[in-house]
Amino acid sequence: IEAQGIERVVIVGHSMGGAIALTLAARNNPRIAGQVIVASAATIGVTDDILNGLKSDFEKTVEFIVKYSFDRASGPFFPKKARAYTLATGADATHADFLACSTFDMRSRLPGIKLPTLVIAAENDRMIPLKHSAGLAEALPNARLVSFTGCGHYPHLDRTTLVEKPIAEFCAQ
């Protein structure tokens, strides 16, 4: 932020990016005006089956992850893209990302994050269930939750128009 000369910014993070945004917010950088956390939580549970599968059968595990990341009503475009991007990333990097998520825990630091926060969640998110995103919003002193139906772990892709409205309103405030 400093290197780019940005005076005021709202940070936005999805899933692991939400974890990164929370970590940045905990640093109390005065240039950060607010944060939007999409489909994320104070802890991000990752099963041993996923962690082990990313090492032992990468392609099959990626199929599983993609299957459970999108709502059943999603069209095929975004799941196909997610699969292709993840496979191109490779097993080692993808495993490292999921391992980092599995050890992420900001619960003790949330009360100190006073930054205005918008938490966006989806009722059908099977990767980070709505109750975990709602718990994040409840634990942050200056947060509100917006949830959407008919989408999974990628509400900003499945319901772009609906998701952009509360983000734009939040940033305008």
N, C-alpha and C. Protein backbone atom coordinates (compact mmCIF):
# COMPACT_ATOMS: atom_id res chain seq x y z
N ILE A 1 0.84 -1.18 0.00
CA ILE A 1 0.00 0.00 0.00
C ILE A 1 0.89 1.24 0.00
N GLU A 2 1.88 1.23 0.87
CA GLU A 2 2.79 2.37 0.93
C GLU A 2 3.61 2.47 -0.35
N ALA A 3 4.10 1.35 -0.86
CA ALA A 3 4.93 1.36 -2.06
C ALA A 3 4.18 1.90 -3.27
N GLN A 4 2.89 1.68 -3.31
CA GLN A 4 2.07 2.17 -4.41
C GLN A 4 1.60 3.61 -4.18
N GLY A 5 1.84 4.14 -3.00
CA GLY A 5 1.43 5.50 -2.70
C GLY A 5 -0.08 5.64 -2.51
N ILE A 6 -0.73 4.58 -2.12
CA ILE A 6 -2.18 4.60 -1.93
C ILE A 6 -2.48 5.21 -0.56
N GLU A 7 -3.29 6.25 -0.57
CA GLU A 7 -3.60 6.95 0.69
C GLU A 7 -4.69 6.24 1.49
N ARG A 8 -5.77 5.83 0.84
CA ARG A 8 -6.88 5.15 1.52
C ARG A 8 -7.35 4.01 0.64
N VAL A 9 -7.58 2.87 1.23
CA VAL A 9 -7.97 1.70 0.46
C VAL A 9 -8.93 0.84 1.29
N VAL A 10 -9.83 0.20 0.60
CA VAL A 10 -10.65 -0.85 1.20
C VAL A 10 -10.09 -2.15 0.66
N ILE A 11 -9.66 -3.03 1.55
CA ILE A 11 -9.12 -4.31 1.12
C ILE A 11 -10.25 -5.32 1.01
N VAL A 12 -10.15 -6.17 0.00
CA VAL A 12 -11.16 -7.18 -0.25
C VAL A 12 -10.44 -8.51 -0.39
N GLY A 13 -10.94 -9.52 0.32
CA GLY A 13 -10.33 -10.84 0.23
C GLY A 13 -11.37 -11.93 0.23
N HIS A 14 -11.17 -12.92 -0.63
CA HIS A 14 -12.05 -14.08 -0.72
C HIS A 14 -11.33 -15.31 -0.17
N SER A 15 -11.97 -16.04 0.72
CA SER A 15 -11.47 -17.30 1.25
C SER A 15 -10.09 -17.11 1.88
N MET A 16 -9.03 -17.67 1.29
CA MET A 16 -7.69 -17.45 1.82
C MET A 16 -7.33 -15.96 1.76
N GLY A 17 -7.82 -15.27 0.74
CA GLY A 17 -7.63 -13.83 0.65
C GLY A 17 -8.29 -13.10 1.80
N GLY A 18 -9.39 -13.65 2.31
CA GLY A 18 -10.03 -13.09 3.50
C GLY A 18 -9.13 -13.22 4.71
N ALA A 19 -8.44 -14.34 4.79
CA ALA A 19 -7.48 -14.54 5.88
C ALA A 19 -6.35 -13.51 5.78
N ILE A 20 -5.90 -13.26 4.56
CA ILE A 20 -4.85 -12.26 4.35
C ILE A 20 -5.37 -10.87 4.72
N ALA A 21 -6.59 -10.55 4.31
CA ALA A 21 -7.17 -9.25 4.64
C ALA A 21 -7.29 -9.07 6.15
N LEU A 22 -7.74 -10.10 6.85
CA LEU A 22 -7.83 -10.02 8.31
C LEU A 22 -6.46 -9.80 8.95
N THR A 23 -5.46 -10.45 8.42
CA THR A 23 -4.09 -10.29 8.93
C THR A 23 -3.62 -8.85 8.71
N LEU A 24 -3.89 -8.30 7.54
CA LEU A 24 -3.53 -6.90 7.28
C LEU A 24 -4.29 -5.96 8.20
N ALA A 25 -5.58 -6.22 8.39
CA ALA A 25 -6.40 -5.36 9.25
C ALA A 25 -5.88 -5.35 10.68
N ALA A 26 -5.37 -6.46 11.14
CA ALA A 26 -4.87 -6.56 12.52
C ALA A 26 -3.63 -5.69 12.72
N ARG A 27 -2.99 -5.27 11.65
CA ARG A 27 -1.80 -4.42 11.75
C ARG A 27 -2.15 -2.95 11.97
N ASN A 28 -3.43 -2.61 11.88
CA ASN A 28 -3.92 -1.25 12.13
C ASN A 28 -3.23 -0.20 11.26
N ASN A 29 -3.07 -0.50 9.99
CA ASN A 29 -2.50 0.45 9.03
C ASN A 29 -3.52 1.57 8.80
N PRO A 30 -3.17 2.82 9.08
CA PRO A 30 -4.13 3.90 8.94
C PRO A 30 -4.58 4.15 7.51
N ARG A 31 -3.91 3.60 6.54
CA ARG A 31 -4.31 3.75 5.13
C ARG A 31 -5.47 2.83 4.76
N ILE A 32 -5.71 1.81 5.57
CA ILE A 32 -6.80 0.88 5.29
C ILE A 32 -8.07 1.44 5.91
N ALA A 33 -9.03 1.80 5.05
CA ALA A 33 -10.28 2.43 5.50
C ALA A 33 -11.33 1.40 5.90
N GLY A 34 -11.23 0.20 5.36
CA GLY A 34 -12.21 -0.84 5.65
C GLY A 34 -11.80 -2.12 4.96
N GLN A 35 -12.58 -3.16 5.23
CA GLN A 35 -12.29 -4.44 4.59
C GLN A 35 -13.58 -5.16 4.25
N VAL A 36 -13.52 -5.92 3.16
CA VAL A 36 -14.62 -6.77 2.74
C VAL A 36 -14.08 -8.20 2.75
N ILE A 37 -14.71 -9.04 3.53
CA ILE A 37 -14.29 -10.43 3.66
C ILE A 37 -15.36 -11.29 2.98
N VAL A 38 -15.00 -12.03 1.95
CA VAL A 38 -15.94 -12.83 1.18
C VAL A 38 -15.66 -14.31 1.41
N ALA A 39 -16.69 -15.02 1.88
CA ALA A 39 -16.60 -16.48 2.05
C ALA A 39 -15.33 -16.88 2.82
N SER A 40 -15.17 -16.29 3.99
CA SER A 40 -14.01 -16.59 4.82
C SER A 40 -14.43 -16.56 6.28
N ALA A 41 -13.48 -16.83 7.16
CA ALA A 41 -13.78 -16.92 8.58
C ALA A 41 -12.50 -16.70 9.39
N ALA A 42 -12.65 -16.68 10.70
CA ALA A 42 -11.50 -16.49 11.60
C ALA A 42 -10.59 -17.70 11.62
N THR A 43 -11.14 -18.85 11.33
CA THR A 43 -10.36 -20.08 11.11
C THR A 43 -10.90 -20.72 9.85
N ILE A 44 -10.03 -21.40 9.13
CA ILE A 44 -10.44 -22.04 7.88
C ILE A 44 -10.10 -23.52 7.99
N GLY A 45 -11.11 -24.30 8.27
CA GLY A 45 -10.89 -25.73 8.43
C GLY A 45 -10.61 -26.42 7.11
N VAL A 46 -9.61 -27.24 7.10
CA VAL A 46 -9.28 -28.06 5.94
C VAL A 46 -9.11 -29.49 6.44
N THR A 47 -9.83 -30.41 5.84
CA THR A 47 -9.76 -31.79 6.30
C THR A 47 -8.43 -32.44 5.92
N ASP A 48 -8.06 -33.44 6.69
CA ASP A 48 -6.86 -34.22 6.36
C ASP A 48 -7.03 -34.91 5.00
N ASP A 49 -8.28 -35.28 4.66
CA ASP A 49 -8.51 -35.92 3.36
C ASP A 49 -8.10 -34.99 2.22
N ILE A 50 -8.42 -33.70 2.34
CA ILE A 50 -8.02 -32.76 1.30
C ILE A 50 -6.51 -32.57 1.30
N LEU A 51 -5.94 -32.34 2.48
CA LEU A 51 -4.49 -32.13 2.54
C LEU A 51 -3.73 -33.33 2.00
N ASN A 52 -4.11 -34.52 2.43
CA ASN A 52 -3.45 -35.73 1.95
C ASN A 52 -3.73 -35.98 0.47
N GLY A 53 -4.97 -35.73 0.05
CA GLY A 53 -5.34 -35.94 -1.34
C GLY A 53 -4.60 -35.04 -2.30
N LEU A 54 -4.32 -33.82 -1.88
CA LEU A 54 -3.57 -32.92 -2.75
C LEU A 54 -2.16 -33.45 -3.02
N LYS A 55 -1.66 -34.28 -2.13
CA LYS A 55 -0.34 -34.90 -2.32
C LYS A 55 -0.44 -36.25 -3.05
N SER A 56 -1.47 -37.04 -2.72
CA SER A 56 -1.53 -38.41 -3.25
C SER A 56 -2.31 -38.54 -4.56
N ASP A 57 -3.36 -37.75 -4.75
CA ASP A 57 -4.16 -37.81 -5.98
C ASP A 57 -4.68 -36.41 -6.28
N PHE A 58 -3.78 -35.59 -6.79
CA PHE A 58 -4.04 -34.16 -6.98
C PHE A 58 -5.28 -33.91 -7.82
N GLU A 59 -5.37 -34.52 -9.00
CA GLU A 59 -6.49 -34.23 -9.90
C GLU A 59 -7.84 -34.64 -9.29
N LYS A 60 -7.89 -35.77 -8.65
CA LYS A 60 -9.15 -36.22 -8.03
C LYS A 60 -9.55 -35.28 -6.89
N THR A 61 -8.58 -34.83 -6.13
CA THR A 61 -8.86 -33.92 -5.01
C THR A 61 -9.30 -32.56 -5.51
N VAL A 62 -8.70 -32.09 -6.59
CA VAL A 62 -9.13 -30.82 -7.19
C VAL A 62 -10.58 -30.95 -7.66
N GLU A 63 -10.93 -32.06 -8.26
CA GLU A 63 -12.32 -32.29 -8.68
C GLU A 63 -13.26 -32.19 -7.48
N PHE A 64 -12.87 -32.79 -6.38
CA PHE A 64 -13.68 -32.75 -5.15
C PHE A 64 -13.83 -31.31 -4.66
N ILE A 65 -12.73 -30.59 -4.60
CA ILE A 65 -12.75 -29.20 -4.11
C ILE A 65 -13.66 -28.35 -4.99
N VAL A 66 -13.51 -28.47 -6.29
CA VAL A 66 -14.33 -27.67 -7.21
C VAL A 66 -15.80 -28.05 -7.07
N LYS A 67 -16.07 -29.33 -6.97
CA LYS A 67 -17.46 -29.80 -6.83
C LYS A 67 -18.12 -29.17 -5.61
N TYR A 68 -17.41 -29.08 -4.51
CA TYR A 68 -17.99 -28.56 -3.28
C TYR A 68 -17.84 -27.04 -3.13
N SER A 69 -17.18 -26.40 -4.07
CA SER A 69 -17.00 -24.95 -4.01
C SER A 69 -18.11 -24.18 -4.70
N PHE A 70 -18.79 -24.83 -5.61
CA PHE A 70 -19.84 -24.15 -6.36
C PHE A 70 -21.20 -24.73 -6.04
N ASP A 71 -22.19 -23.88 -6.06
CA ASP A 71 -23.56 -24.31 -5.83
C ASP A 71 -24.00 -25.23 -6.97
N ARG A 72 -24.90 -26.12 -6.65
CA ARG A 72 -25.39 -27.05 -7.67
C ARG A 72 -26.04 -26.33 -8.84
N ALA A 73 -26.54 -25.10 -8.61
CA ALA A 73 -27.20 -24.34 -9.67
C ALA A 73 -26.21 -23.56 -10.54
N SER A 74 -24.94 -23.55 -10.17
CA SER A 74 -23.94 -22.83 -10.96
C SER A 74 -23.83 -23.43 -12.35
N GLY A 75 -23.61 -22.59 -13.32
CA GLY A 75 -23.34 -23.09 -14.65
C GLY A 75 -21.95 -23.71 -14.70
N PRO A 76 -21.57 -24.29 -15.82
CA PRO A 76 -20.28 -24.99 -15.90
C PRO A 76 -19.06 -24.09 -16.08
N PHE A 77 -19.26 -22.82 -16.47
CA PHE A 77 -18.12 -21.98 -16.83
C PHE A 77 -17.12 -21.80 -15.69
N PHE A 78 -17.58 -21.29 -14.54
CA PHE A 78 -16.66 -20.99 -13.44
C PHE A 78 -16.05 -22.25 -12.82
N PRO A 79 -16.82 -23.32 -12.62
CA PRO A 79 -16.16 -24.54 -12.12
C PRO A 79 -15.05 -25.04 -13.05
N LYS A 80 -15.28 -24.98 -14.36
CA LYS A 80 -14.25 -25.41 -15.31
C LYS A 80 -13.01 -24.53 -15.19
N LYS A 81 -13.23 -23.21 -15.07
CA LYS A 81 -12.10 -22.28 -14.92
C LYS A 81 -11.35 -22.54 -13.61
N ALA A 82 -12.10 -22.74 -12.52
CA ALA A 82 -11.47 -22.99 -11.22
C ALA A 82 -10.62 -24.26 -11.28
N ARG A 83 -11.15 -25.29 -11.90
CA ARG A 83 -10.40 -26.54 -12.05
C ARG A 83 -9.12 -26.30 -12.84
N ALA A 84 -9.24 -25.61 -13.96
CA ALA A 84 -8.06 -25.36 -14.82
C ALA A 84 -7.01 -24.53 -14.08
N TYR A 85 -7.43 -23.48 -13.39
CA TYR A 85 -6.48 -22.63 -12.66
C TYR A 85 -5.79 -23.42 -11.55
N THR A 86 -6.56 -24.23 -10.83
CA THR A 86 -5.97 -24.98 -9.73
C THR A 86 -4.99 -26.03 -10.25
N LEU A 87 -5.36 -26.73 -11.31
CA LEU A 87 -4.44 -27.72 -11.88
C LEU A 87 -3.17 -27.03 -12.39
N ALA A 88 -3.31 -25.86 -12.99
CA ALA A 88 -2.14 -25.13 -13.50
C ALA A 88 -1.25 -24.66 -12.35
N THR A 89 -1.84 -24.38 -11.20
CA THR A 89 -1.06 -23.96 -10.04
C THR A 89 -0.14 -25.07 -9.58
N GLY A 90 -0.60 -26.30 -9.67
CA GLY A 90 0.22 -27.45 -9.31
C GLY A 90 -0.04 -27.95 -7.90
N ALA A 91 0.34 -29.19 -7.68
CA ALA A 91 0.07 -29.86 -6.41
C ALA A 91 0.80 -29.22 -5.24
N ASP A 92 2.06 -28.88 -5.41
CA ASP A 92 2.84 -28.36 -4.28
C ASP A 92 2.31 -27.01 -3.81
N ALA A 93 2.07 -26.09 -4.74
CA ALA A 93 1.58 -24.76 -4.35
C ALA A 93 0.17 -24.84 -3.78
N THR A 94 -0.68 -25.66 -4.40
CA THR A 94 -2.05 -25.79 -3.91
C THR A 94 -2.05 -26.40 -2.51
N HIS A 95 -1.24 -27.41 -2.29
CA HIS A 95 -1.13 -28.01 -0.96
C HIS A 95 -0.65 -26.99 0.05
N ALA A 96 0.36 -26.20 -0.33
CA ALA A 96 0.88 -25.18 0.59
C ALA A 96 -0.20 -24.17 0.95
N ASP A 97 -1.02 -23.77 -0.02
CA ASP A 97 -2.12 -22.83 0.25
C ASP A 97 -3.12 -23.43 1.23
N PHE A 98 -3.53 -24.67 0.98
CA PHE A 98 -4.51 -25.31 1.86
C PHE A 98 -3.92 -25.59 3.24
N LEU A 99 -2.64 -25.91 3.30
CA LEU A 99 -1.98 -26.11 4.59
C LEU A 99 -1.96 -24.80 5.38
N ALA A 100 -1.65 -23.70 4.71
CA ALA A 100 -1.66 -22.39 5.38
C ALA A 100 -3.05 -22.08 5.91
N CYS A 101 -4.07 -22.37 5.11
CA CYS A 101 -5.44 -22.16 5.58
C CYS A 101 -5.76 -23.01 6.81
N SER A 102 -5.28 -24.23 6.81
CA SER A 102 -5.60 -25.14 7.91
C SER A 102 -5.01 -24.70 9.24
N THR A 103 -3.96 -23.89 9.20
CA THR A 103 -3.32 -23.43 10.44
C THR A 103 -3.71 -21.99 10.80
N PHE A 104 -4.48 -21.34 9.94
CA PHE A 104 -4.89 -19.96 10.15
C PHE A 104 -5.87 -19.87 11.31
N ASP A 105 -5.62 -18.94 12.23
CA ASP A 105 -6.52 -18.75 13.37
C ASP A 105 -6.38 -17.32 13.89
N MET A 106 -7.37 -16.50 13.63
CA MET A 106 -7.36 -15.10 14.05
C MET A 106 -8.31 -14.83 15.21
N ARG A 107 -8.93 -15.86 15.77
CA ARG A 107 -9.97 -15.65 16.78
C ARG A 107 -9.54 -14.75 17.91
N SER A 108 -8.35 -14.90 18.42
CA SER A 108 -7.92 -14.10 19.57
C SER A 108 -7.65 -12.64 19.20
N ARG A 109 -7.45 -12.37 17.92
CA ARG A 109 -7.11 -11.01 17.49
C ARG A 109 -8.32 -10.21 17.00
N LEU A 110 -9.45 -10.87 16.80
CA LEU A 110 -10.62 -10.19 16.23
C LEU A 110 -11.10 -9.00 17.05
N PRO A 111 -11.17 -9.09 18.38
CA PRO A 111 -11.66 -7.93 19.14
C PRO A 111 -10.83 -6.67 18.93
N GLY A 112 -9.58 -6.80 18.56
CA GLY A 112 -8.71 -5.64 18.34
C GLY A 112 -8.82 -5.04 16.95
N ILE A 113 -9.57 -5.69 16.06
CA ILE A 113 -9.74 -5.17 14.70
C ILE A 113 -10.99 -4.30 14.68
N LYS A 114 -10.78 -3.00 14.76
CA LYS A 114 -11.88 -2.03 14.82
C LYS A 114 -12.32 -1.56 13.44
N LEU A 115 -11.63 -1.96 12.42
CA LEU A 115 -11.87 -1.53 11.06
C LEU A 115 -13.30 -1.85 10.62
N PRO A 116 -13.97 -0.91 9.95
CA PRO A 116 -15.28 -1.24 9.39
C PRO A 116 -15.14 -2.45 8.45
N THR A 117 -16.02 -3.42 8.62
CA THR A 117 -15.90 -4.67 7.89
C THR A 117 -17.26 -5.10 7.36
N LEU A 118 -17.25 -5.52 6.11
CA LEU A 118 -18.41 -6.16 5.49
C LEU A 118 -18.04 -7.61 5.28
N VAL A 119 -18.82 -8.51 5.85
CA VAL A 119 -18.60 -9.94 5.66
C VAL A 119 -19.69 -10.44 4.72
N ILE A 120 -19.27 -11.04 3.62
CA ILE A 120 -20.20 -11.58 2.63
C ILE A 120 -20.10 -13.09 2.66
N ALA A 121 -21.26 -13.73 2.75
CA ALA A 121 -21.29 -15.19 2.85
C ALA A 121 -22.41 -15.74 1.97
N ALA A 122 -22.38 -17.04 1.79
CA ALA A 122 -23.41 -17.71 0.99
C ALA A 122 -24.02 -18.85 1.80
N GLU A 123 -25.31 -18.94 1.71
CA GLU A 123 -26.02 -19.98 2.46
C GLU A 123 -25.63 -21.39 2.03
N ASN A 124 -25.20 -21.55 0.79
CA ASN A 124 -24.85 -22.88 0.28
C ASN A 124 -23.34 -23.10 0.17
N ASP A 125 -22.56 -22.32 0.89
CA ASP A 125 -21.11 -22.49 0.87
C ASP A 125 -20.76 -23.72 1.69
N ARG A 126 -20.24 -24.73 1.02
CA ARG A 126 -19.86 -25.96 1.71
C ARG A 126 -18.39 -25.99 2.09
N MET A 127 -17.62 -25.00 1.63
CA MET A 127 -16.21 -24.92 2.00
C MET A 127 -16.04 -24.14 3.30
N ILE A 128 -16.67 -22.98 3.39
CA ILE A 128 -16.70 -22.20 4.63
C ILE A 128 -18.17 -21.89 4.91
N PRO A 129 -18.80 -22.73 5.70
CA PRO A 129 -20.24 -22.57 5.94
C PRO A 129 -20.61 -21.19 6.48
N LEU A 130 -21.82 -20.79 6.16
CA LEU A 130 -22.35 -19.49 6.56
C LEU A 130 -22.16 -19.24 8.06
N LYS A 131 -22.36 -20.25 8.89
CA LYS A 131 -22.25 -20.04 10.34
C LYS A 131 -20.85 -19.57 10.74
N HIS A 132 -19.83 -19.97 10.00
CA HIS A 132 -18.46 -19.54 10.31
C HIS A 132 -18.23 -18.09 9.91
N SER A 133 -18.76 -17.70 8.75
CA SER A 133 -18.67 -16.30 8.34
C SER A 133 -19.50 -15.43 9.27
N ALA A 134 -20.66 -15.92 9.69
CA ALA A 134 -21.50 -15.17 10.64
C ALA A 134 -20.79 -15.02 11.97
N GLY A 135 -20.08 -16.04 12.41
CA GLY A 135 -19.30 -15.96 13.64
C GLY A 135 -18.20 -14.92 13.55
N LEU A 136 -17.59 -14.81 12.37
CA LEU A 136 -16.58 -13.78 12.14
C LEU A 136 -17.19 -12.40 12.29
N ALA A 137 -18.31 -12.18 11.63
CA ALA A 137 -18.97 -10.87 11.69
C ALA A 137 -19.38 -10.52 13.12
N GLU A 138 -19.82 -11.51 13.84
CA GLU A 138 -20.24 -11.29 15.23
C GLU A 138 -19.06 -10.95 16.14
N ALA A 139 -17.90 -11.55 15.86
CA ALA A 139 -16.73 -11.35 16.72
C ALA A 139 -15.99 -10.04 16.43
N LEU A 140 -16.17 -9.50 15.24
CA LEU A 140 -15.52 -8.23 14.90
C LEU A 140 -16.36 -7.07 15.45
N PRO A 141 -15.74 -6.11 16.11
CA PRO A 141 -16.50 -5.03 16.76
C PRO A 141 -17.27 -4.11 15.81
N ASN A 142 -16.85 -4.04 14.54
CA ASN A 142 -17.45 -3.07 13.63
C ASN A 142 -17.78 -3.74 12.30
N ALA A 143 -18.51 -4.86 12.37
CA ALA A 143 -18.78 -5.63 11.16
C ALA A 143 -20.27 -5.88 10.98
N ARG A 144 -20.63 -6.09 9.73
CA ARG A 144 -21.98 -6.54 9.43
C ARG A 144 -21.90 -7.65 8.40
N LEU A 145 -22.89 -8.52 8.43
CA LEU A 145 -22.94 -9.69 7.57
C LEU A 145 -24.02 -9.51 6.51
N VAL A 146 -23.69 -9.89 5.29
CA VAL A 146 -24.66 -9.99 4.21
C VAL A 146 -24.52 -11.40 3.63
N SER A 147 -25.63 -12.11 3.51
CA SER A 147 -25.56 -13.46 2.96
C SER A 147 -26.49 -13.58 1.76
N PHE A 148 -26.12 -14.50 0.89
CA PHE A 148 -26.86 -14.71 -0.35
C PHE A 148 -27.26 -16.16 -0.50
N THR A 149 -28.38 -16.37 -1.17
CA THR A 149 -28.84 -17.72 -1.49
C THR A 149 -28.45 -18.04 -2.92
N GLY A 150 -28.52 -19.31 -3.26
CA GLY A 150 -28.29 -19.72 -4.64
C GLY A 150 -26.86 -19.61 -5.10
N CYS A 151 -25.93 -19.64 -4.17
CA CYS A 151 -24.52 -19.63 -4.56
C CYS A 151 -23.71 -20.36 -3.50
N GLY A 152 -22.50 -20.72 -3.89
CA GLY A 152 -21.63 -21.46 -2.99
C GLY A 152 -20.46 -20.62 -2.51
N HIS A 153 -19.28 -21.18 -2.57
CA HIS A 153 -18.08 -20.56 -2.02
C HIS A 153 -17.61 -19.35 -2.83
N TYR A 154 -18.17 -19.15 -4.00
CA TYR A 154 -17.79 -18.03 -4.86
C TYR A 154 -19.00 -17.15 -5.15
N PRO A 155 -19.57 -16.51 -4.13
CA PRO A 155 -20.77 -15.70 -4.39
C PRO A 155 -20.51 -14.55 -5.35
N HIS A 156 -19.29 -14.03 -5.36
CA HIS A 156 -18.95 -12.93 -6.25
C HIS A 156 -18.91 -13.36 -7.72
N LEU A 157 -18.81 -14.64 -7.98
CA LEU A 157 -18.90 -15.15 -9.35
C LEU A 157 -20.33 -15.57 -9.68
N ASP A 158 -20.95 -16.32 -8.76
CA ASP A 158 -22.30 -16.82 -9.01
C ASP A 158 -23.36 -15.72 -9.00
N ARG A 159 -23.18 -14.71 -8.18
CA ARG A 159 -24.18 -13.64 -8.02
C ARG A 159 -23.51 -12.26 -8.07
N THR A 160 -22.73 -12.04 -9.11
CA THR A 160 -21.91 -10.84 -9.22
C THR A 160 -22.71 -9.56 -8.98
N THR A 161 -23.80 -9.41 -9.66
CA THR A 161 -24.58 -8.18 -9.56
C THR A 161 -25.11 -7.97 -8.15
N LEU A 162 -25.57 -9.04 -7.52
CA LEU A 162 -26.08 -8.91 -6.15
C LEU A 162 -24.96 -8.59 -5.16
N VAL A 163 -23.80 -9.19 -5.34
CA VAL A 163 -22.69 -9.02 -4.41
C VAL A 163 -22.04 -7.64 -4.56
N GLU A 164 -21.99 -7.14 -5.77
CA GLU A 164 -21.32 -5.85 -5.96
C GLU A 164 -22.07 -4.70 -5.31
N LYS A 165 -23.38 -4.81 -5.17
CA LYS A 165 -24.16 -3.71 -4.59
C LYS A 165 -23.78 -3.42 -3.14
N PRO A 166 -23.80 -4.42 -2.23
CA PRO A 166 -23.39 -4.10 -0.85
C PRO A 166 -21.92 -3.68 -0.74
N ILE A 167 -21.07 -4.18 -1.63
CA ILE A 167 -19.67 -3.75 -1.61
C ILE A 167 -19.57 -2.28 -1.98
N ALA A 168 -20.27 -1.88 -3.04
CA ALA A 168 -20.24 -0.48 -3.46
C ALA A 168 -20.82 0.43 -2.37
N GLU A 169 -21.91 0.01 -1.74
CA GLU A 169 -22.51 0.80 -0.66
C GLU A 169 -21.55 0.91 0.52
N PHE A 170 -20.90 -0.18 0.86
CA PHE A 170 -19.94 -0.19 1.97
C PHE A 170 -18.79 0.77 1.68
N CYS A 171 -18.25 0.69 0.47
CA CYS A 171 -17.12 1.56 0.11
C CYS A 171 -17.53 3.03 0.09
N ALA A 172 -18.76 3.31 -0.31
CA ALA A 172 -19.23 4.69 -0.35
C ALA A 172 -19.33 5.29 1.06
N GLN A 173 -19.57 4.46 2.04
CA GLN A 173 -19.67 4.92 3.42
C GLN A 173 -18.30 5.23 3.98
